[in-house]
Structures are given as C-alpha cells and as structure tokens.
Amino acid sequence: MMMKRVTQKERTLNWLRTNGELTFAEAVEKLHILDVRKRIQELREEGYNIITVNRKNASGAIYGAYRLEAEA
C-alpha cells in the first residue's frame, strides 16, 4: 500500500491548526520548508485567513509569525 505524501502546504496548515503560530525558523527546522511565505500565500489564495503577527525575541529582534484565524 502506498502512503500519500504530505505536501509542504498540508504540513504548514497542519502545524498552524495544531500549534497556533508558525515562524520562518520553525518552518525550516521542524517542517523542512525553505519558502514558507509561498506556502502561506497558497493557503491564503485558497481562502484560509492567515495573519502575520510581529514577535520580539529575548534580544529584542522583531520577527514575524503566521497565525491561522478561526476557521468556519
């Protein structure tokens, strides 16, 4: 039996549903996705309400995180 390969877009959506937010670093390290912006764009084009929120790390650097807003 062949297993269906989970796409980067599906991995991104699953992460957002499970963990709430996704950063670029998490996308690379945990999901092995180098261009998470493209995956987010694809999901937005499919109608998912994904917002970008600014976060600040311990050293004060600001970075973005993606968050999936409530689904209907």
PDB file of N, CA and C in Angstrom:
ATOM      1  N   MET A   1       0.847  -1.184   0.000  1.00  0.00           N
ATOM      2  CA  MET A   1       0.000   0.000   0.000  1.00  0.00           C
ATOM      3  C   MET A   1       0.889   1.243   0.000  1.00  0.00           C
ATOM      4  N   MET A   2       0.624   2.162  -0.912  1.00  0.00           N
ATOM      5  CA  MET A   2       1.416   3.389  -0.976  1.00  0.00           C
ATOM      6  C   MET A   2       0.833   4.444  -0.053  1.00  0.00           C
ATOM      7  N   MET A   3       1.730   5.104   0.644  1.00  0.00           N
ATOM      8  CA  MET A   3       1.312   6.199   1.514  1.00  0.00           C
ATOM      9  C   MET A   3       1.296   7.478   0.696  1.00  0.00           C
ATOM     10  N   LYS A   4       0.270   8.303   0.909  1.00  0.00           N
ATOM     11  CA  LYS A   4       0.205   9.597   0.235  1.00  0.00           C
ATOM     12  C   LYS A   4       1.243  10.516   0.863  1.00  0.00           C
ATOM     13  N   ARG A   5       2.003  11.162   0.028  1.00  0.00           N
ATOM     14  CA  ARG A   5       2.998  12.098   0.513  1.00  0.00           C
ATOM     15  C   ARG A   5       2.321  13.396   0.929  1.00  0.00           C
ATOM     16  N   VAL A   6       2.635  13.863   2.119  1.00  0.00           N
ATOM     17  CA  VAL A   6       2.045  15.100   2.626  1.00  0.00           C
ATOM     18  C   VAL A   6       2.827  16.272   2.031  1.00  0.00           C
ATOM     19  N   THR A   7       2.105  17.201   1.402  1.00  0.00           N
ATOM     20  CA  THR A   7       2.752  18.334   0.752  1.00  0.00           C
ATOM     21  C   THR A   7       3.211  19.372   1.786  1.00  0.00           C
ATOM     22  N   GLN A   8       4.074  20.265   1.364  1.00  0.00           N
ATOM     23  CA  GLN A   8       4.521  21.353   2.234  1.00  0.00           C
ATOM     24  C   GLN A   8       3.339  22.206   2.673  1.00  0.00           C
ATOM     25  N   LYS A   9       2.426  22.443   1.770  1.00  0.00           N
ATOM     26  CA  LYS A   9       1.243  23.242   2.100  1.00  0.00           C
ATOM     27  C   LYS A   9       0.422  22.547   3.182  1.00  0.00           C
ATOM     28  N   GLU A  10       0.229  21.240   3.040  1.00  0.00           N
ATOM     29  CA  GLU A  10      -0.521  20.478   4.050  1.00  0.00           C
ATOM     30  C   GLU A  10       0.198  20.475   5.396  1.00  0.00           C
ATOM     31  N   ARG A  11       1.521  20.323   5.367  1.00  0.00           N
ATOM     32  CA  ARG A  11       2.299  20.359   6.620  1.00  0.00           C
ATOM     33  C   ARG A  11       2.167  21.721   7.292  1.00  0.00           C
ATOM     34  N   THR A  12       2.192  22.778   6.493  1.00  0.00           N
ATOM     35  CA  THR A  12       2.047  24.134   7.032  1.00  0.00           C
ATOM     36  C   THR A  12       0.681  24.301   7.696  1.00  0.00           C
ATOM     37  N   LEU A  13      -0.376  23.905   7.005  1.00  0.00           N
ATOM     38  CA  LEU A  13      -1.727  24.036   7.544  1.00  0.00           C
ATOM     39  C   LEU A  13      -1.898  23.188   8.809  1.00  0.00           C
ATOM     40  N   ASN A  14      -1.384  21.964   8.793  1.00  0.00           N
ATOM     41  CA  ASN A  14      -1.472  21.098   9.974  1.00  0.00           C
ATOM     42  C   ASN A  14      -0.761  21.728  11.169  1.00  0.00           C
ATOM     43  N   TRP A  15       0.406  22.321  10.923  1.00  0.00           N
ATOM     44  CA  TRP A  15       1.156  22.972  12.005  1.00  0.00           C
ATOM     45  C   TRP A  15       0.351  24.133  12.592  1.00  0.00           C
ATOM     46  N   LEU A  16      -0.199  24.966  11.722  1.00  0.00           N
ATOM     47  CA  LEU A  16      -0.974  26.111  12.186  1.00  0.00           C
ATOM     48  C   LEU A  16      -2.185  25.658  13.006  1.00  0.00           C
ATOM     49  N   ARG A  17      -2.837  24.614  12.556  1.00  0.00           N
ATOM     50  CA  ARG A  17      -4.008  24.101  13.286  1.00  0.00           C
ATOM     51  C   ARG A  17      -3.618  23.514  14.640  1.00  0.00           C
ATOM     52  N   THR A  18      -2.474  22.895  14.711  1.00  0.00           N
ATOM     53  CA  THR A  18      -2.042  22.208  15.929  1.00  0.00           C
ATOM     54  C   THR A  18      -1.335  23.130  16.917  1.00  0.00           C
ATOM     55  N   ASN A  19      -0.496  24.030  16.393  1.00  0.00           N
ATOM     56  CA  ASN A  19       0.386  24.831  17.245  1.00  0.00           C
ATOM     57  C   ASN A  19       0.027  26.306  17.327  1.00  0.00           C
ATOM     58  N   GLY A  20      -0.885  26.754  16.490  1.00  0.00           N
ATOM     59  CA  GLY A  20      -1.322  28.136  16.565  1.00  0.00           C
ATOM     60  C   GLY A  20      -0.533  29.096  15.703  1.00  0.00           C
ATOM     61  N   GLU A  21       0.774  29.084  15.847  1.00  0.00           N
ATOM     62  CA  GLU A  21       1.611  30.001  15.073  1.00  0.00           C
ATOM     63  C   GLU A  21       2.781  29.256  14.457  1.00  0.00           C
ATOM     64  N   LEU A  22       3.317  29.833  13.387  1.00  0.00           N
ATOM     65  CA  LEU A  22       4.464  29.267  12.697  1.00  0.00           C
ATOM     66  C   LEU A  22       5.420  30.385  12.328  1.00  0.00           C
ATOM     67  N   THR A  23       6.675  30.244  12.717  1.00  0.00           N
ATOM     68  CA  THR A  23       7.712  31.200  12.337  1.00  0.00           C
ATOM     69  C   THR A  23       8.529  30.618  11.190  1.00  0.00           C
ATOM     70  N   PHE A  24       9.315  31.469  10.555  1.00  0.00           N
ATOM     71  CA  PHE A  24      10.204  31.012   9.484  1.00  0.00           C
ATOM     72  C   PHE A  24      11.155  29.948  10.020  1.00  0.00           C
ATOM     73  N   ALA A  25      11.732  30.195  11.198  1.00  0.00           N
ATOM     74  CA  ALA A  25      12.694  29.250  11.777  1.00  0.00           C
ATOM     75  C   ALA A  25      12.053  27.885  12.031  1.00  0.00           C
ATOM     76  N   GLU A  26      10.820  27.876  12.530  1.00  0.00           N
ATOM     77  CA  GLU A  26      10.114  26.608  12.759  1.00  0.00           C
ATOM     78  C   GLU A  26       9.834  25.899  11.439  1.00  0.00           C
ATOM     79  N   ALA A  27       9.450  26.668  10.429  1.00  0.00           N
ATOM     80  CA  ALA A  27       9.157  26.079   9.122  1.00  0.00           C
ATOM     81  C   ALA A  27      10.383  25.363   8.572  1.00  0.00           C
ATOM     82  N   VAL A  28      11.540  25.988   8.717  1.00  0.00           N
ATOM     83  CA  VAL A  28      12.777  25.384   8.215  1.00  0.00           C
ATOM     84  C   VAL A  28      13.183  24.188   9.074  1.00  0.00           C
ATOM     85  N   GLU A  29      13.238  24.409  10.381  1.00  0.00           N
ATOM     86  CA  GLU A  29      13.758  23.386  11.295  1.00  0.00           C
ATOM     87  C   GLU A  29      12.819  22.194  11.467  1.00  0.00           C
ATOM     88  N   LYS A  30      11.545  22.460  11.670  1.00  0.00           N
ATOM     89  CA  LYS A  30      10.598  21.387  12.004  1.00  0.00           C
ATOM     90  C   LYS A  30       9.896  20.790  10.786  1.00  0.00           C
ATOM     91  N   LEU A  31       9.612  21.636   9.786  1.00  0.00           N
ATOM     92  CA  LEU A  31       8.839  21.182   8.634  1.00  0.00           C
ATOM     93  C   LEU A  31       9.675  21.021   7.364  1.00  0.00           C
ATOM     94  N   HIS A  32      10.939  21.473   7.405  1.00  0.00           N
ATOM     95  CA  HIS A  32      11.844  21.389   6.254  1.00  0.00           C
ATOM     96  C   HIS A  32      11.284  22.135   5.042  1.00  0.00           C
ATOM     97  N   ILE A  33      10.728  23.318   5.321  1.00  0.00           N
ATOM     98  CA  ILE A  33      10.170  24.185   4.279  1.00  0.00           C
ATOM     99  C   ILE A  33      11.012  25.460   4.232  1.00  0.00           C
ATOM    100  N   LEU A  34      11.638  25.702   3.094  1.00  0.00           N
ATOM    101  CA  LEU A  34      12.508  26.869   2.978  1.00  0.00           C
ATOM    102  C   LEU A  34      11.761  28.130   2.565  1.00  0.00           C
ATOM    103  N   ASP A  35      10.671  27.988   1.826  1.00  0.00           N
ATOM    104  CA  ASP A  35       9.924  29.164   1.373  1.00  0.00           C
ATOM    105  C   ASP A  35       8.512  29.148   1.960  1.00  0.00           C
ATOM    106  N   VAL A  36       8.434  29.355   3.260  1.00  0.00           N
ATOM    107  CA  VAL A  36       7.135  29.295   3.941  1.00  0.00           C
ATOM    108  C   VAL A  36       6.208  30.411   3.464  1.00  0.00           C
ATOM    109  N   ARG A  37       6.783  31.526   3.029  1.00  0.00           N
ATOM    110  CA  ARG A  37       5.941  32.624   2.523  1.00  0.00           C
ATOM    111  C   ARG A  37       5.084  32.168   1.346  1.00  0.00           C
ATOM    112  N   LYS A  38       5.661  31.357   0.478  1.00  0.00           N
ATOM    113  CA  LYS A  38       4.923  30.840  -0.684  1.00  0.00           C
ATOM    114  C   LYS A  38       3.798  29.916  -0.236  1.00  0.00           C
ATOM    115  N   ARG A  39       4.071  29.059   0.738  1.00  0.00           N
ATOM    116  CA  ARG A  39       3.026  28.149   1.245  1.00  0.00           C
ATOM    117  C   ARG A  39       1.889  28.940   1.891  1.00  0.00           C
ATOM    118  N   ILE A  40       2.232  29.987   2.647  1.00  0.00           N
ATOM    119  CA  ILE A  40       1.216  30.833   3.282  1.00  0.00           C
ATOM    120  C   ILE A  40       0.387  31.531   2.206  1.00  0.00           C
ATOM    121  N   GLN A  41       1.052  32.026   1.174  1.00  0.00           N
ATOM    122  CA  GLN A  41       0.344  32.689   0.071  1.00  0.00           C
ATOM    123  C   GLN A  41      -0.636  31.720  -0.586  1.00  0.00           C
ATOM    124  N   GLU A  42      -0.210  30.490  -0.827  1.00  0.00           N
ATOM    125  CA  GLU A  42      -1.093  29.497  -1.443  1.00  0.00           C
ATOM    126  C   GLU A  42      -2.317  29.231  -0.567  1.00  0.00           C
ATOM    127  N   LEU A  43      -2.095  29.103   0.739  1.00  0.00           N
ATOM    128  CA  LEU A  43      -3.209  28.859   1.658  1.00  0.00           C
ATOM    129  C   LEU A  43      -4.165  30.051   1.697  1.00  0.00           C
ATOM    130  N   ARG A  44      -3.612  31.253   1.682  1.00  0.00           N
ATOM    131  CA  ARG A  44      -4.464  32.446   1.665  1.00  0.00           C
ATOM    132  C   ARG A  44      -5.308  32.489   0.397  1.00  0.00           C
ATOM    133  N   GLU A  45      -4.696  32.123  -0.733  1.00  0.00           N
ATOM    134  CA  GLU A  45      -5.419  32.112  -2.005  1.00  0.00           C
ATOM    135  C   GLU A  45      -6.547  31.086  -1.991  1.00  0.00           C
ATOM    136  N   GLU A  46      -6.416  30.047  -1.176  1.00  0.00           N
ATOM    137  CA  GLU A  46      -7.469  29.031  -1.041  1.00  0.00           C
ATOM    138  C   GLU A  46      -8.538  29.459  -0.036  1.00  0.00           C
ATOM    139  N   GLY A  47      -8.363  30.631   0.570  1.00  0.00           N
ATOM    140  CA  GLY A  47      -9.387  31.167   1.447  1.00  0.00           C
ATOM    141  C   GLY A  47      -9.098  31.075   2.932  1.00  0.00           C
ATOM    142  N   TYR A  48      -7.940  30.548   3.316  1.00  0.00           N
ATOM    143  CA  TYR A  48      -7.604  30.489   4.735  1.00  0.00           C
ATOM    144  C   TYR A  48      -7.215  31.877   5.223  1.00  0.00           C
ATOM    145  N   ASN A  49      -7.736  32.253   6.373  1.00  0.00           N
ATOM    146  CA  ASN A  49      -7.461  33.564   6.953  1.00  0.00           C
ATOM    147  C   ASN A  49      -6.219  33.449   7.839  1.00  0.00           C
ATOM    148  N   ILE A  50      -5.072  33.715   7.232  1.00  0.00           N
ATOM    149  CA  ILE A  50      -3.799  33.629   7.950  1.00  0.00           C
ATOM    150  C   ILE A  50      -3.250  35.037   8.087  1.00  0.00           C
ATOM    151  N   ILE A  51      -2.984  35.427   9.325  1.00  0.00           N
ATOM    152  CA  ILE A  51      -2.439  36.759   9.566  1.00  0.00           C
ATOM    153  C   ILE A  51      -0.971  36.639   9.972  1.00  0.00           C
ATOM    154  N   THR A  52      -0.259  37.735   9.803  1.00  0.00           N
ATOM    155  CA  THR A  52       1.129  37.810  10.236  1.00  0.00           C
ATOM    156  C   THR A  52       1.179  38.695  11.469  1.00  0.00           C
ATOM    157  N   VAL A  53       1.776  38.181  12.529  1.00  0.00           N
ATOM    158  CA  VAL A  53       1.917  38.943  13.769  1.00  0.00           C
ATOM    159  C   VAL A  53       3.395  39.152  14.052  1.00  0.00           C
ATOM    160  N   ASN A  54       3.722  40.303  14.635  1.00  0.00           N
ATOM    161  CA  ASN A  54       5.105  40.583  14.989  1.00  0.00           C
ATOM    162  C   ASN A  54       5.389  40.086  16.394  1.00  0.00           C
ATOM    163  N   ARG A  55       6.537  39.447  16.541  1.00  0.00           N
ATOM    164  CA  ARG A  55       7.007  38.953  17.832  1.00  0.00           C
ATOM    165  C   ARG A  55       8.391  39.525  18.085  1.00  0.00           C
ATOM    166  N   LYS A  56       8.796  39.553  19.339  1.00  0.00           N
ATOM    167  CA  LYS A  56      10.121  40.041  19.706  1.00  0.00           C
ATOM    168  C   LYS A  56      10.822  38.949  20.507  1.00  0.00           C
ATOM    169  N   ASN A  57      12.052  38.625  20.112  1.00  0.00           N
ATOM    170  CA  ASN A  57      12.780  37.596  20.846  1.00  0.00           C
ATOM    171  C   ASN A  57      13.502  38.201  22.048  1.00  0.00           C
ATOM    172  N   ALA A  58      14.214  37.371  22.793  1.00  0.00           N
ATOM    173  CA  ALA A  58      14.863  37.799  24.035  1.00  0.00           C
ATOM    174  C   ALA A  58      15.869  38.922  23.818  1.00  0.00           C
ATOM    175  N   SER A  59      16.503  38.955  22.654  1.00  0.00           N
ATOM    176  CA  SER A  59      17.488  40.005  22.392  1.00  0.00           C
ATOM    177  C   SER A  59      16.861  41.257  21.791  1.00  0.00           C
ATOM    178  N   GLY A  60      15.540  41.250  21.598  1.00  0.00           N
ATOM    179  CA  GLY A  60      14.852  42.430  21.106  1.00  0.00           C
ATOM    180  C   GLY A  60      14.613  42.454  19.612  1.00  0.00           C
ATOM    181  N   ALA A  61      15.094  41.438  18.894  1.00  0.00           N
ATOM    182  CA  ALA A  61      14.880  41.390  17.444  1.00  0.00           C
ATOM    183  C   ALA A  61      13.414  41.061  17.158  1.00  0.00           C
ATOM    184  N   ILE A  62      12.863  41.743  16.173  1.00  0.00           N
ATOM    185  CA  ILE A  62      11.467  41.524  15.797  1.00  0.00           C
ATOM    186  C   ILE A  62      11.416  40.546  14.624  1.00  0.00           C
ATOM    187  N   TYR A  63      10.485  39.599  14.710  1.00  0.00           N
ATOM    188  CA  TYR A  63      10.292  38.628  13.641  1.00  0.00           C
ATOM    189  C   TYR A  63       8.793  38.387  13.469  1.00  0.00           C
ATOM    190  N   GLY A  64       8.433  37.847  12.326  1.00  0.00           N
ATOM    191  CA  GLY A  64       7.027  37.585  12.055  1.00  0.00           C
ATOM    192  C   GLY A  64       6.645  36.144  12.349  1.00  0.00           C
ATOM    193  N   ALA A  65       5.412  35.963  12.709  1.00  0.00           N
ATOM    194  CA  ALA A  65       4.847  34.622  12.886  1.00  0.00           C
ATOM    195  C   ALA A  65       3.495  34.593  12.197  1.00  0.00           C
ATOM    196  N   TYR A  66       3.177  33.471  11.586  1.00  0.00           N
ATOM    197  CA  TYR A  66       1.897  33.313  10.917  1.00  0.00           C
ATOM    198  C   TYR A  66       0.919  32.642  11.859  1.00  0.00           C
ATOM    199  N   ARG A  67      -0.316  33.121  11.830  1.00  0.00           N
ATOM    200  CA  ARG A  67      -1.371  32.556  12.682  1.00  0.00           C
ATOM    201  C   ARG A  67      -2.621  32.341  11.846  1.00  0.00           C
ATOM    202  N   LEU A  68      -3.208  31.154  11.990  1.00  0.00           N
ATOM    203  CA  LEU A  68      -4.457  30.834  11.328  1.00  0.00           C
ATOM    204  C   LEU A  68      -5.589  31.320  12.202  1.00  0.00           C
ATOM    205  N   GLU A  69      -6.385  32.246  11.663  1.00  0.00           N
ATOM    206  CA  GLU A  69      -7.545  32.738  12.396  1.00  0.00           C
ATOM    207  C   GLU A  69      -8.643  31.682  12.355  1.00  0.00           C
ATOM    208  N   ALA A  70      -9.619  31.802  13.221  1.00  0.00           N
ATOM    209  CA  ALA A  70     -10.667  30.793  13.373  1.00  0.00           C
ATOM    210  C   ALA A  70     -11.257  30.375  12.042  1.00  0.00           C
ATOM    211  N   GLU A  71     -11.380  29.069  11.873  1.00  0.00           N
ATOM    212  CA  GLU A  71     -11.995  28.524  10.670  1.00  0.00           C
ATOM    213  C   GLU A  71     -13.490  28.370  10.899  1.00  0.00           C
ATOM    214  N   ALA A  72     -14.238  28.483   9.844  1.00  0.00           N
ATOM    215  CA  ALA A  72     -15.701  28.367   9.947  1.00  0.00           C
ATOM    216  C   ALA A  72     -16.114  26.942  10.226  1.00  0.00           C
TER     217      ALA A  72
END
